[in-house]
Amino acid sequence: MKQVDDMKKGQQTEQMQQRSQRTEQTQESQQIHHPQGVQKLECLYEAGQLWTKQNTPKTGQLQAMLEQKPLSLIVSLPGNDLALAQAAREEGADALKVHFNVGHRASGNHFGSLDEYTEVFRAIRSEFAGPFGVVPSGSIEGTRREDVERLADLGFDFYSIYAHHLPSFMLQDHGLESTFAINNEYDVSLVASAAHFGFTALEASIVPGKEYGTPLSFADVLHYRQLVLQAGVPVLVPSQRKLVPEDVPVLHHSGIKAIMLGAMVTGKTEDQLRRAVNSFRNAIDRLGQKEPLGSERDVPESSATGHSDPPDPTELLDGLGSGRDGS
């Protein structure tokens, strides 16, 4: 019996050795035909993943701001100017955005190449600790990989660009959080796919160009609310309309996570910008206050995703005191 057992054990050992040899031969064959064959086997793609991420560290500042604050105030500077950035910071901006290689409709400015602004961008970054973003192009042809690859080293936290100006290489990890904008011609149902590609937020630039500078209407609010419900990522509203501080409670109630003040509201001078940012900062800070007459109703807490219904805006209107001049 012992001899039979020994023979079985010997056969099993021999079979295991043969299987091991076949496995090694298969791996060697894969490496011959595919020099990085083993690496490819070890780097199995998840469903829908187009490439292996570079794992460049991101600051995560924009996402943290949108998650932690009920409503954030982003200032899109009308010019790449340190004095304007300082003014926005001092008056209470939570985040800043600048531009290069793009013509800006609202301000009437044309922003030149990245090389023209590297020093001022570094200077702004050295004085501003909050989320710092950039629009890198006004067309898909003008969006250059070499520019995008420099942005993280210049201190930027995120980029902002229209979806139809965004080339596929920007979907890779360049060490930046990503936001994209849509205009009034987009199929709104498509925005639900944004989270799949790792976007941090959606910029709802949905006002037609011929209507820039007109007052906010309930029709606009309905569109913003629809995007909040469908996007799956936080929604930012730029001031394409001539927003005033009285609009803040209504916009907050729609579920948006940030108001982005641009030239339509801030104007182009430092003094104009200071007055506008200060007035919106005060309006946002009042959102947590109850009615002056002593309402006992509690303000609902925001959900983790930031899309639960905020307080009724009629509770928050008193004392905002601003005219339609945006100042």
C-alpha atoms as a PDB file:
ATOM      1  CA  MET A   1       0.000   0.000   0.000  1.00  0.00           C
ATOM      2  CA  LYS A   2       2.821   2.364   0.886  1.00  0.00           C
ATOM      3  CA  GLN A   3       4.387   1.803  -2.532  1.00  0.00           C
ATOM      4  CA  VAL A   4       1.085   2.615  -4.256  1.00  0.00           C
ATOM      5  CA  ASP A   5       0.728   5.843  -2.241  1.00  0.00           C
ATOM      6  CA  ASP A   6       4.268   6.822  -3.095  1.00  0.00           C
ATOM      7  CA  MET A   7       3.604   6.229  -6.791  1.00  0.00           C
ATOM      8  CA  LYS A   8       0.457   8.445  -6.668  1.00  0.00           C
ATOM      9  CA  LYS A   9       2.325  11.240  -4.908  1.00  0.00           C
ATOM     10  CA  GLY A  10       5.077  11.055  -7.501  1.00  0.00           C
ATOM     11  CA  GLN A  11       2.579  11.285 -10.349  1.00  0.00           C
ATOM     12  CA  GLN A  12       0.852  14.289  -8.749  1.00  0.00           C
ATOM     13  CA  THR A  13       4.177  16.085  -8.259  1.00  0.00           C
ATOM     14  CA  GLU A  14       5.117  15.464 -11.871  1.00  0.00           C
ATOM     15  CA  GLN A  15       1.737  16.784 -13.097  1.00  0.00           C
ATOM     16  CA  MET A  16       2.125  19.956 -11.012  1.00  0.00           C
ATOM     17  CA  GLN A  17       5.589  20.541 -12.454  1.00  0.00           C
ATOM     18  CA  GLN A  18       4.259  20.105 -15.988  1.00  0.00           C
ATOM     19  CA  ARG A  19       1.438  22.613 -15.375  1.00  0.00           C
ATOM     20  CA  SER A  20       3.943  25.103 -13.961  1.00  0.00           C
ATOM     21  CA  GLN A  21       6.170  24.720 -17.024  1.00  0.00           C
ATOM     22  CA  ARG A  22       3.213  25.261 -19.377  1.00  0.00           C
ATOM     23  CA  THR A  23       2.221  28.440 -17.479  1.00  0.00           C
ATOM     24  CA  GLU A  24       5.768  29.806 -17.717  1.00  0.00           C
ATOM     25  CA  GLN A  25       5.899  29.013 -21.439  1.00  0.00           C
ATOM     26  CA  THR A  26       2.571  30.808 -22.001  1.00  0.00           C
ATOM     27  CA  GLN A  27       3.784  33.915 -20.167  1.00  0.00           C
ATOM     28  CA  GLU A  28       7.053  33.895 -22.140  1.00  0.00           C
ATOM     29  CA  SER A  29       5.090  33.589 -25.377  1.00  0.00           C
ATOM     30  CA  GLN A  30       2.940  36.578 -24.423  1.00  0.00           C
ATOM     31  CA  GLN A  31       6.033  38.612 -23.685  1.00  0.00           C
ATOM     32  CA  ILE A  32       7.557  37.687 -27.051  1.00  0.00           C
ATOM     33  CA  HIS A  33       4.479  38.858 -28.946  1.00  0.00           C
ATOM     34  CA  HIS A  34       3.722  41.725 -26.553  1.00  0.00           C
ATOM     35  CA  PRO A  35       6.834  43.193 -24.872  1.00  0.00           C
ATOM     36  CA  GLN A  36       4.605  44.572 -22.113  1.00  0.00           C
ATOM     37  CA  GLY A  37       2.305  41.582 -22.057  1.00  0.00           C
ATOM     38  CA  VAL A  38       2.662  40.859 -18.368  1.00  0.00           C
ATOM     39  CA  GLN A  39       2.062  44.486 -17.469  1.00  0.00           C
ATOM     40  CA  LYS A  40      -1.081  44.488 -19.575  1.00  0.00           C
ATOM     41  CA  LEU A  41      -2.357  41.410 -17.789  1.00  0.00           C
ATOM     42  CA  GLU A  42      -1.702  43.031 -14.433  1.00  0.00           C
ATOM     43  CA  CYS A  43      -3.376  46.305 -15.550  1.00  0.00           C
ATOM     44  CA  LEU A  44      -6.826  44.956 -16.388  1.00  0.00           C
ATOM     45  CA  TYR A  45      -9.086  47.827 -17.365  1.00  0.00           C
ATOM     46  CA  GLU A  46     -12.314  48.423 -15.518  1.00  0.00           C
ATOM     47  CA  ALA A  47     -15.494  48.634 -17.558  1.00  0.00           C
ATOM     48  CA  GLY A  48     -15.473  51.801 -19.607  1.00  0.00           C
ATOM     49  CA  GLN A  49     -11.910  52.794 -18.663  1.00  0.00           C
ATOM     50  CA  LEU A  50     -10.003  53.997 -21.708  1.00  0.00           C
ATOM     51  CA  TRP A  51      -6.502  54.148 -20.273  1.00  0.00           C
ATOM     52  CA  THR A  52      -4.468  53.585 -17.168  1.00  0.00           C
ATOM     53  CA  LYS A  53      -4.538  56.714 -15.021  1.00  0.00           C
ATOM     54  CA  GLN A  54      -1.234  58.411 -14.343  1.00  0.00           C
ATOM     55  CA  ASN A  55      -2.265  58.835 -10.679  1.00  0.00           C
ATOM     56  CA  THR A  56      -1.039  62.429 -10.614  1.00  0.00           C
ATOM     57  CA  PRO A  57      -2.026  63.841  -7.210  1.00  0.00           C
ATOM     58  CA  LYS A  58      -4.924  66.317  -7.250  1.00  0.00           C
ATOM     59  CA  THR A  59      -5.506  68.879  -4.534  1.00  0.00           C
ATOM     60  CA  GLY A  60      -9.216  68.066  -4.294  1.00  0.00           C
ATOM     61  CA  GLN A  61      -9.861  71.643  -3.184  1.00  0.00           C
ATOM     62  CA  LEU A  62     -12.784  72.298  -5.506  1.00  0.00           C
ATOM     63  CA  GLN A  63     -14.617  69.116  -4.591  1.00  0.00           C
ATOM     64  CA  ALA A  64     -14.057  69.738  -0.872  1.00  0.00           C
ATOM     65  CA  MET A  65     -15.441  73.273  -1.186  1.00  0.00           C
ATOM     66  CA  LEU A  66     -18.552  72.110  -3.038  1.00  0.00           C
ATOM     67  CA  GLU A  67     -19.192  69.353  -0.519  1.00  0.00           C
ATOM     68  CA  GLN A  68     -18.608  71.422   2.610  1.00  0.00           C
ATOM     69  CA  LYS A  69     -20.288  74.746   1.775  1.00  0.00           C
ATOM     70  CA  PRO A  70     -24.044  75.128   1.251  1.00  0.00           C
ATOM     71  CA  LEU A  71     -23.350  77.617  -1.550  1.00  0.00           C
ATOM     72  CA  SER A  72     -19.955  78.782  -2.787  1.00  0.00           C
ATOM     73  CA  LEU A  73     -18.896  82.022  -4.452  1.00  0.00           C
ATOM     74  CA  ILE A  74     -16.532  81.698  -7.413  1.00  0.00           C
ATOM     75  CA  VAL A  75     -15.179  84.812  -9.123  1.00  0.00           C
ATOM     76  CA  SER A  76     -14.234  84.580 -12.775  1.00  0.00           C
ATOM     77  CA  LEU A  77     -11.792  87.455 -13.076  1.00  0.00           C
ATOM     78  CA  PRO A  78     -12.476  89.889 -15.954  1.00  0.00           C
ATOM     79  CA  GLY A  79      -8.708  90.203 -16.439  1.00  0.00           C
ATOM     80  CA  ASN A  80      -5.621  88.251 -15.434  1.00  0.00           C
ATOM     81  CA  ASP A  81      -4.576  90.823 -12.900  1.00  0.00           C
ATOM     82  CA  LEU A  82      -3.155  90.384  -9.392  1.00  0.00           C
ATOM     83  CA  ALA A  83      -4.989  93.446  -8.057  1.00  0.00           C
ATOM     84  CA  LEU A  84      -8.341  92.037  -9.211  1.00  0.00           C
ATOM     85  CA  ALA A  85      -7.534  88.684  -7.622  1.00  0.00           C
ATOM     86  CA  GLN A  86      -6.592  90.375  -4.345  1.00  0.00           C
ATOM     87  CA  ALA A  87      -9.805  92.379  -4.389  1.00  0.00           C
ATOM     88  CA  ALA A  88     -11.905  89.267  -4.965  1.00  0.00           C
ATOM     89  CA  ARG A  89     -10.129  87.432  -2.151  1.00  0.00           C
ATOM     90  CA  GLU A  90     -10.484  90.321   0.285  1.00  0.00           C
ATOM     91  CA  GLU A  91     -14.221  90.657  -0.434  1.00  0.00           C
ATOM     92  CA  GLY A  92     -14.910  86.988   0.227  1.00  0.00           C
ATOM     93  CA  ALA A  93     -14.459  84.890  -2.930  1.00  0.00           C
ATOM     94  CA  ASP A  94     -14.260  81.168  -2.163  1.00  0.00           C
ATOM     95  CA  ALA A  95     -12.592  80.325  -5.486  1.00  0.00           C
ATOM     96  CA  LEU A  96     -11.047  82.145  -8.460  1.00  0.00           C
ATOM     97  CA  LYS A  97     -10.991  81.441 -12.181  1.00  0.00           C
ATOM     98  CA  VAL A  98      -8.759  82.957 -14.878  1.00  0.00           C
ATOM     99  CA  HIS A  99      -8.415  82.516 -18.645  1.00  0.00           C
ATOM    100  CA  PHE A 100      -5.872  82.163 -21.431  1.00  0.00           C
ATOM    101  CA  ASN A 101      -6.043  81.464 -25.156  1.00  0.00           C
ATOM    102  CA  VAL A 102      -9.687  82.486 -25.341  1.00  0.00           C
ATOM    103  CA  GLY A 103     -11.952  85.351 -26.338  1.00  0.00           C
ATOM    104  CA  HIS A 104     -14.378  86.157 -23.511  1.00  0.00           C
ATOM    105  CA  ARG A 105     -17.814  87.278 -24.678  1.00  0.00           C
ATOM    106  CA  ALA A 106     -19.037  88.864 -21.424  1.00  0.00           C
ATOM    107  CA  SER A 107     -15.926  90.948 -20.720  1.00  0.00           C
ATOM    108  CA  GLY A 108     -15.038  91.662 -24.333  1.00  0.00           C
ATOM    109  CA  ASN A 109     -11.455  90.644 -23.545  1.00  0.00           C
ATOM    110  CA  HIS A 110      -9.196  88.424 -25.586  1.00  0.00           C
ATOM    111  CA  PHE A 111      -6.770  86.442 -23.452  1.00  0.00           C
ATOM    112  CA  GLY A 112      -3.445  85.515 -25.020  1.00  0.00           C
ATOM    113  CA  SER A 113      -1.164  82.503 -24.647  1.00  0.00           C
ATOM    114  CA  LEU A 114      -0.254  80.790 -21.390  1.00  0.00           C
ATOM    115  CA  ASP A 115       3.290  82.148 -21.584  1.00  0.00           C
ATOM    116  CA  GLU A 116       1.956  85.695 -21.317  1.00  0.00           C
ATOM    117  CA  TYR A 117       0.429  85.016 -17.907  1.00  0.00           C
ATOM    118  CA  THR A 118       2.632  82.477 -16.131  1.00  0.00           C
ATOM    119  CA  GLU A 119       4.095  85.045 -13.750  1.00  0.00           C
ATOM    120  CA  VAL A 120       0.777  86.617 -12.810  1.00  0.00           C
ATOM    121  CA  PHE A 121      -0.775  83.172 -12.355  1.00  0.00           C
ATOM    122  CA  ARG A 122       2.036  82.235  -9.973  1.00  0.00           C
ATOM    123  CA  ALA A 123       1.586  85.525  -8.132  1.00  0.00           C
ATOM    124  CA  ILE A 124      -2.153  84.949  -7.716  1.00  0.00           C
ATOM    125  CA  ARG A 125      -1.534  81.414  -6.500  1.00  0.00           C
ATOM    126  CA  SER A 126       0.991  82.645  -3.929  1.00  0.00           C
ATOM    127  CA  GLU A 127      -1.635  84.929  -2.365  1.00  0.00           C
ATOM    128  CA  PHE A 128      -4.792  82.870  -2.753  1.00  0.00           C
ATOM    129  CA  ALA A 129      -5.165  79.566  -0.909  1.00  0.00           C
ATOM    130  CA  GLY A 130      -8.599  78.558  -2.198  1.00  0.00           C
ATOM    131  CA  PRO A 131      -9.553  76.605  -5.329  1.00  0.00           C
ATOM    132  CA  PHE A 132      -7.887  78.189  -8.366  1.00  0.00           C
ATOM    133  CA  GLY A 133      -9.168  77.329 -11.830  1.00  0.00           C
ATOM    134  CA  VAL A 134      -8.469  78.183 -15.445  1.00  0.00           C
ATOM    135  CA  VAL A 135     -10.141  78.178 -18.844  1.00  0.00           C
ATOM    136  CA  PRO A 136      -7.388  76.885 -21.171  1.00  0.00           C
ATOM    137  CA  SER A 137      -8.950  77.535 -24.575  1.00  0.00           C
ATOM    138  CA  GLY A 138     -11.917  78.859 -26.494  1.00  0.00           C
ATOM    139  CA  SER A 139     -11.846  76.136 -29.146  1.00  0.00           C
ATOM    140  CA  ILE A 140     -10.981  72.469 -29.452  1.00  0.00           C
ATOM    141  CA  GLU A 141      -8.282  73.274 -32.017  1.00  0.00           C
ATOM    142  CA  GLY A 142      -6.687  75.776 -29.654  1.00  0.00           C
ATOM    143  CA  THR A 143      -6.534  73.407 -26.681  1.00  0.00           C
ATOM    144  CA  ARG A 144      -2.902  72.332 -26.458  1.00  0.00           C
ATOM    145  CA  ARG A 145      -1.645  69.321 -24.553  1.00  0.00           C
ATOM    146  CA  GLU A 146       1.620  71.030 -23.641  1.00  0.00           C
ATOM    147  CA  ASP A 147      -0.310  73.871 -21.989  1.00  0.00           C
ATOM    148  CA  VAL A 148      -2.597  71.569 -20.013  1.00  0.00           C
ATOM    149  CA  GLU A 149       0.367  69.540 -18.762  1.00  0.00           C
ATOM    150  CA  ARG A 150       1.885  72.715 -17.227  1.00  0.00           C
ATOM    151  CA  LEU A 151      -1.179  73.834 -15.296  1.00  0.00           C
ATOM    152  CA  ALA A 152      -0.788  71.759 -12.128  1.00  0.00           C
ATOM    153  CA  ASP A 153       2.794  72.985 -11.691  1.00  0.00           C
ATOM    154  CA  LEU A 154       1.554  76.574 -11.978  1.00  0.00           C
ATOM    155  CA  GLY A 155      -0.665  75.961  -8.967  1.00  0.00           C
ATOM    156  CA  PHE A 156      -4.043  75.394 -10.597  1.00  0.00           C
ATOM    157  CA  ASP A 157      -6.538  73.088  -8.916  1.00  0.00           C
ATOM    158  CA  PHE A 158      -9.060  72.678 -11.734  1.00  0.00           C
ATOM    159  CA  TYR A 159      -9.820  73.486 -15.345  1.00  0.00           C
ATOM    160  CA  SER A 160     -13.090  74.776 -16.804  1.00  0.00           C
ATOM    161  CA  ILE A 161     -13.988  74.386 -20.461  1.00  0.00           C
ATOM    162  CA  TYR A 162     -16.965  73.846 -22.759  1.00  0.00           C
ATOM    163  CA  ALA A 163     -17.558  70.170 -23.511  1.00  0.00           C
ATOM    164  CA  HIS A 164     -17.295  70.797 -27.253  1.00  0.00           C
ATOM    165  CA  HIS A 165     -13.891  72.479 -26.716  1.00  0.00           C
ATOM    166  CA  LEU A 166     -12.549  69.585 -24.633  1.00  0.00           C
ATOM    167  CA  PRO A 167     -10.316  67.112 -26.532  1.00  0.00           C
ATOM    168  CA  SER A 168     -10.067  63.515 -25.393  1.00  0.00           C
ATOM    169  CA  PHE A 169      -6.542  63.872 -23.964  1.00  0.00           C
ATOM    170  CA  MET A 170      -7.931  66.195 -21.278  1.00  0.00           C
ATOM    171  CA  LEU A 171      -9.948  63.294 -19.888  1.00  0.00           C
ATOM    172  CA  GLN A 172      -6.672  61.798 -18.731  1.00  0.00           C
ATOM    173  CA  ASP A 173      -5.270  62.596 -15.308  1.00  0.00           C
ATOM    174  CA  HIS A 174      -3.179  65.777 -15.467  1.00  0.00           C
ATOM    175  CA  GLY A 175      -3.298  66.451 -11.737  1.00  0.00           C
ATOM    176  CA  LEU A 176      -6.339  68.733 -12.092  1.00  0.00           C
ATOM    177  CA  GLU A 177      -9.941  68.494 -11.069  1.00  0.00           C
ATOM    178  CA  SER A 178     -12.187  68.931 -14.074  1.00  0.00           C
ATOM    179  CA  THR A 179     -15.338  70.920 -14.756  1.00  0.00           C
ATOM    180  CA  PHE A 180     -17.117  71.272 -18.070  1.00  0.00           C
ATOM    181  CA  ALA A 181     -19.659  73.741 -19.389  1.00  0.00           C
ATOM    182  CA  ILE A 182     -22.692  73.266 -21.596  1.00  0.00           C
ATOM    183  CA  ASN A 183     -24.586  75.882 -23.563  1.00  0.00           C
ATOM    184  CA  ASN A 184     -28.261  76.236 -24.480  1.00  0.00           C
ATOM    185  CA  GLU A 185     -27.916  73.873 -27.468  1.00  0.00           C
ATOM    186  CA  TYR A 186     -26.928  70.754 -25.483  1.00  0.00           C
ATOM    187  CA  ASP A 187     -29.157  67.731 -24.973  1.00  0.00           C
ATOM    188  CA  VAL A 188     -29.636  67.972 -21.204  1.00  0.00           C
ATOM    189  CA  SER A 189     -30.090  64.199 -20.879  1.00  0.00           C
ATOM    190  CA  LEU A 190     -26.425  63.702 -21.811  1.00  0.00           C
ATOM    191  CA  VAL A 191     -25.045  65.384 -18.687  1.00  0.00           C
ATOM    192  CA  ALA A 192     -25.898  62.342 -16.567  1.00  0.00           C
ATOM    193  CA  SER A 193     -22.850  60.625 -18.095  1.00  0.00           C
ATOM    194  CA  ALA A 194     -20.393  63.198 -16.725  1.00  0.00           C
ATOM    195  CA  ALA A 195     -19.762  61.443 -13.414  1.00  0.00           C
ATOM    196  CA  HIS A 196     -18.606  58.339 -15.306  1.00  0.00           C
ATOM    197  CA  PHE A 197     -15.662  60.375 -16.623  1.00  0.00           C
ATOM    198  CA  GLY A 198     -14.676  61.720 -13.226  1.00  0.00           C
ATOM    199  CA  PHE A 199     -15.833  65.325 -13.564  1.00  0.00           C
ATOM    200  CA  THR A 200     -16.053  67.406 -10.402  1.00  0.00           C
ATOM    201  CA  ALA A 201     -18.805  69.786 -11.521  1.00  0.00           C
ATOM    202  CA  LEU A 202     -20.948  71.070 -14.371  1.00  0.00           C
ATOM    203  CA  GLU A 203     -21.041  74.750 -15.347  1.00  0.00           C
ATOM    204  CA  ALA A 204     -24.540  75.605 -16.563  1.00  0.00           C
ATOM    205  CA  SER A 205     -23.719  78.239 -19.207  1.00  0.00           C
ATOM    206  CA  ILE A 206     -27.124  77.814 -20.803  1.00  0.00           C
ATOM    207  CA  VAL A 207     -28.209  81.414 -21.441  1.00  0.00           C
ATOM    208  CA  PRO A 208     -28.190  82.282 -25.181  1.00  0.00           C
ATOM    209  CA  GLY A 209     -25.582  84.894 -26.062  1.00  0.00           C
ATOM    210  CA  LYS A 210     -28.154  87.422 -27.260  1.00  0.00           C
ATOM    211  CA  GLU A 211     -29.744  87.346 -23.774  1.00  0.00           C
ATOM    212  CA  TYR A 212     -26.592  88.070 -21.772  1.00  0.00           C
ATOM    213  CA  GLY A 213     -27.080  90.784 -19.202  1.00  0.00           C
ATOM    214  CA  THR A 214     -30.853  90.365 -18.800  1.00  0.00           C
ATOM    215  CA  PRO A 215     -32.512  89.587 -15.442  1.00  0.00           C
ATOM    216  CA  LEU A 216     -32.855  86.066 -14.044  1.00  0.00           C
ATOM    217  CA  SER A 217     -36.267  84.536 -14.701  1.00  0.00           C
ATOM    218  CA  PHE A 218     -38.158  81.592 -13.256  1.00  0.00           C
ATOM    219  CA  ALA A 219     -37.637  79.834 -16.595  1.00  0.00           C
ATOM    220  CA  ASP A 220     -33.882  79.966 -15.936  1.00  0.00           C
ATOM    221  CA  VAL A 221     -34.367  78.576 -12.433  1.00  0.00           C
ATOM    222  CA  LEU A 222     -36.387  75.658 -13.823  1.00  0.00           C
ATOM    223  CA  HIS A 223     -33.565  74.837 -16.227  1.00  0.00           C
ATOM    224  CA  TYR A 224     -31.000  74.963 -13.406  1.00  0.00           C
ATOM    225  CA  ARG A 225     -33.174  72.724 -11.260  1.00  0.00           C
ATOM    226  CA  GLN A 226     -33.493  70.220 -14.100  1.00  0.00           C
ATOM    227  CA  LEU A 227     -29.701  70.082 -14.421  1.00  0.00           C
ATOM    228  CA  VAL A 228     -29.275  69.623 -10.672  1.00  0.00           C
ATOM    229  CA  LEU A 229     -31.626  66.623 -10.789  1.00  0.00           C
ATOM    230  CA  GLN A 230     -29.997  65.045 -13.838  1.00  0.00           C
ATOM    231  CA  ALA A 231     -26.295  65.877 -13.740  1.00  0.00           C
ATOM    232  CA  GLY A 232     -25.056  63.602 -10.972  1.00  0.00           C
ATOM    233  CA  VAL A 233     -22.343  66.185 -10.191  1.00  0.00           C
ATOM    234  CA  PRO A 234     -22.587  69.622  -8.526  1.00  0.00           C
ATOM    235  CA  VAL A 235     -23.929  72.389 -10.760  1.00  0.00           C
ATOM    236  CA  LEU A 236     -22.298  75.844 -10.958  1.00  0.00           C
ATOM    237  CA  VAL A 237     -24.197  78.839 -12.361  1.00  0.00           C
ATOM    238  CA  PRO A 238     -22.223  81.608 -14.110  1.00  0.00           C
ATOM    239  CA  SER A 239     -23.580  85.152 -14.173  1.00  0.00           C
ATOM    240  CA  GLN A 240     -24.620  85.262 -17.798  1.00  0.00           C
ATOM    241  CA  ARG A 241     -27.797  86.896 -16.551  1.00  0.00           C
ATOM    242  CA  LYS A 242     -27.421  90.192 -14.665  1.00  0.00           C
ATOM    243  CA  LEU A 243     -27.633  88.423 -11.319  1.00  0.00           C
ATOM    244  CA  VAL A 244     -28.287  90.453  -8.185  1.00  0.00           C
ATOM    245  CA  PRO A 245     -27.954  89.432  -4.527  1.00  0.00           C
ATOM    246  CA  GLU A 246     -31.741  88.976  -4.325  1.00  0.00           C
ATOM    247  CA  ASP A 247     -31.318  86.021  -6.716  1.00  0.00           C
ATOM    248  CA  VAL A 248     -29.095  84.151  -4.272  1.00  0.00           C
ATOM    249  CA  PRO A 249     -31.801  82.461  -2.133  1.00  0.00           C
ATOM    250  CA  VAL A 250     -33.721  81.292  -5.206  1.00  0.00           C
ATOM    251  CA  LEU A 251     -30.604  79.891  -6.863  1.00  0.00           C
ATOM    252  CA  HIS A 252     -29.661  78.159  -3.628  1.00  0.00           C
ATOM    253  CA  HIS A 253     -33.160  76.700  -3.377  1.00  0.00           C
ATOM    254  CA  SER A 254     -32.781  75.261  -6.887  1.00  0.00           C
ATOM    255  CA  GLY A 255     -29.962  73.065  -5.572  1.00  0.00           C
ATOM    256  CA  ILE A 256     -26.961  74.608  -7.316  1.00  0.00           C
ATOM    257  CA  LYS A 257     -23.681  74.498  -5.399  1.00  0.00           C
ATOM    258  CA  ALA A 258     -21.899  77.654  -6.565  1.00  0.00           C
ATOM    259  CA  ILE A 259     -22.525  81.032  -8.163  1.00  0.00           C
ATOM    260  CA  MET A 260     -19.767  82.126 -10.516  1.00  0.00           C
ATOM    261  CA  LEU A 261     -19.579  85.896 -10.842  1.00  0.00           C
ATOM    262  CA  GLY A 262     -18.172  87.139 -14.139  1.00  0.00           C
ATOM    263  CA  ALA A 263     -17.822  90.450 -15.933  1.00  0.00           C
ATOM    264  CA  MET A 264     -21.563  90.783 -16.504  1.00  0.00           C
ATOM    265  CA  VAL A 265     -21.894  91.411 -12.749  1.00  0.00           C
ATOM    266  CA  THR A 266     -18.410  92.336 -11.530  1.00  0.00           C
ATOM    267  CA  GLY A 267     -17.643  94.916 -14.209  1.00  0.00           C
ATOM    268  CA  LYS A 268     -14.012  95.393 -15.214  1.00  0.00           C
ATOM    269  CA  THR A 269     -12.569  97.696 -12.562  1.00  0.00           C
ATOM    270  CA  GLU A 270     -11.328  96.813  -9.104  1.00  0.00           C
ATOM    271  CA  ASP A 271     -13.899  99.034  -7.409  1.00  0.00           C
ATOM    272  CA  GLN A 272     -16.800  97.528  -9.355  1.00  0.00           C
ATOM    273  CA  LEU A 273     -15.577  94.025  -8.617  1.00  0.00           C
ATOM    274  CA  ARG A 274     -15.218  94.749  -4.895  1.00  0.00           C
ATOM    275  CA  ARG A 275     -18.781  96.025  -4.603  1.00  0.00           C
ATOM    276  CA  ALA A 276     -20.242  93.094  -6.500  1.00  0.00           C
ATOM    277  CA  VAL A 277     -18.312  90.368  -4.675  1.00  0.00           C
ATOM    278  CA  ASN A 278     -19.033  91.932  -1.298  1.00  0.00           C
ATOM    279  CA  SER A 279     -22.776  92.122  -1.959  1.00  0.00           C
ATOM    280  CA  PHE A 280     -22.993  88.484  -3.050  1.00  0.00           C
ATOM    281  CA  ARG A 281     -20.796  87.362  -0.155  1.00  0.00           C
ATOM    282  CA  ASN A 282     -23.185  89.035   2.272  1.00  0.00           C
ATOM    283  CA  ALA A 283     -26.214  87.483   0.549  1.00  0.00           C
ATOM    284  CA  ILE A 284     -24.717  83.991   0.737  1.00  0.00           C
ATOM    285  CA  ASP A 285     -23.723  84.428   4.368  1.00  0.00           C
ATOM    286  CA  ARG A 286     -27.337  85.336   5.204  1.00  0.00           C
ATOM    287  CA  LEU A 287     -28.622  82.018   3.868  1.00  0.00           C
ATOM    288  CA  GLY A 288     -28.232  80.358   7.254  1.00  0.00           C
ATOM    289  CA  GLN A 289     -30.168  83.030   9.124  1.00  0.00           C
ATOM    290  CA  LYS A 290     -33.800  82.606  10.093  1.00  0.00           C
ATOM    291  CA  GLU A 291     -36.552  85.109   9.549  1.00  0.00           C
ATOM    292  CA  PRO A 292     -36.091  88.355  11.474  1.00  0.00           C
ATOM    293  CA  LEU A 293     -39.673  88.027  12.735  1.00  0.00           C
ATOM    294  CA  GLY A 294     -38.823  84.860  14.636  1.00  0.00           C
ATOM    295  CA  SER A 295     -39.840  81.935  12.455  1.00  0.00           C
ATOM    296  CA  GLU A 296     -39.676  78.599  14.268  1.00  0.00           C
ATOM    297  CA  ARG A 297     -39.182  76.574  11.112  1.00  0.00           C
ATOM    298  CA  ASP A 298     -35.931  74.697  10.930  1.00  0.00           C
ATOM    299  CA  VAL A 299     -33.647  74.977   7.928  1.00  0.00           C
ATOM    300  CA  PRO A 300     -33.175  71.530   6.318  1.00  0.00           C
ATOM    301  CA  GLU A 301     -29.650  70.198   6.334  1.00  0.00           C
ATOM    302  CA  SER A 302     -27.878  69.536   3.057  1.00  0.00           C
ATOM    303  CA  SER A 303     -27.420  65.952   2.026  1.00  0.00           C
ATOM    304  CA  ALA A 304     -23.997  64.438   1.397  1.00  0.00           C
ATOM    305  CA  THR A 305     -24.419  64.920  -2.348  1.00  0.00           C
ATOM    306  CA  GLY A 306     -25.503  68.532  -1.991  1.00  0.00           C
ATOM    307  CA  HIS A 307     -28.735  67.997  -3.957  1.00  0.00           C
ATOM    308  CA  SER A 308     -31.371  67.987  -1.215  1.00  0.00           C
ATOM    309  CA  ASP A 309     -33.863  70.820  -1.213  1.00  0.00           C
ATOM    310  CA  PRO A 310     -32.397  73.939   0.459  1.00  0.00           C
ATOM    311  CA  PRO A 311     -34.566  76.278   2.539  1.00  0.00           C
ATOM    312  CA  ASP A 312     -37.549  78.085   1.072  1.00  0.00           C
ATOM    313  CA  PRO A 313     -36.080  81.236  -0.521  1.00  0.00           C
ATOM    314  CA  THR A 314     -38.936  83.395   0.767  1.00  0.00           C
ATOM    315  CA  GLU A 315     -37.509  82.945   4.265  1.00  0.00           C
ATOM    316  CA  LEU A 316     -34.183  84.431   3.239  1.00  0.00           C
ATOM    317  CA  LEU A 317     -34.996  87.488   1.160  1.00  0.00           C
ATOM    318  CA  ASP A 318     -35.292  90.121   3.869  1.00  0.00           C
ATOM    319  CA  GLY A 319     -32.418  92.532   4.168  1.00  0.00           C
ATOM    320  CA  LEU A 320     -30.523  91.690   0.974  1.00  0.00           C
ATOM    321  CA  GLY A 321     -31.168  95.201  -0.351  1.00  0.00           C
ATOM    322  CA  SER A 322     -29.768  95.449  -3.852  1.00  0.00           C
ATOM    323  CA  GLY A 323     -30.955  97.023  -7.057  1.00  0.00           C
ATOM    324  CA  ARG A 324     -30.797  95.491 -10.516  1.00  0.00           C
ATOM    325  CA  ASP A 325     -27.488  97.179 -11.298  1.00  0.00           C
ATOM    326  CA  GLY A 326     -25.585  94.226  -9.804  1.00  0.00           C
ATOM    327  CA  SER A 327     -23.524  96.436  -7.555  1.00  0.00           C
END
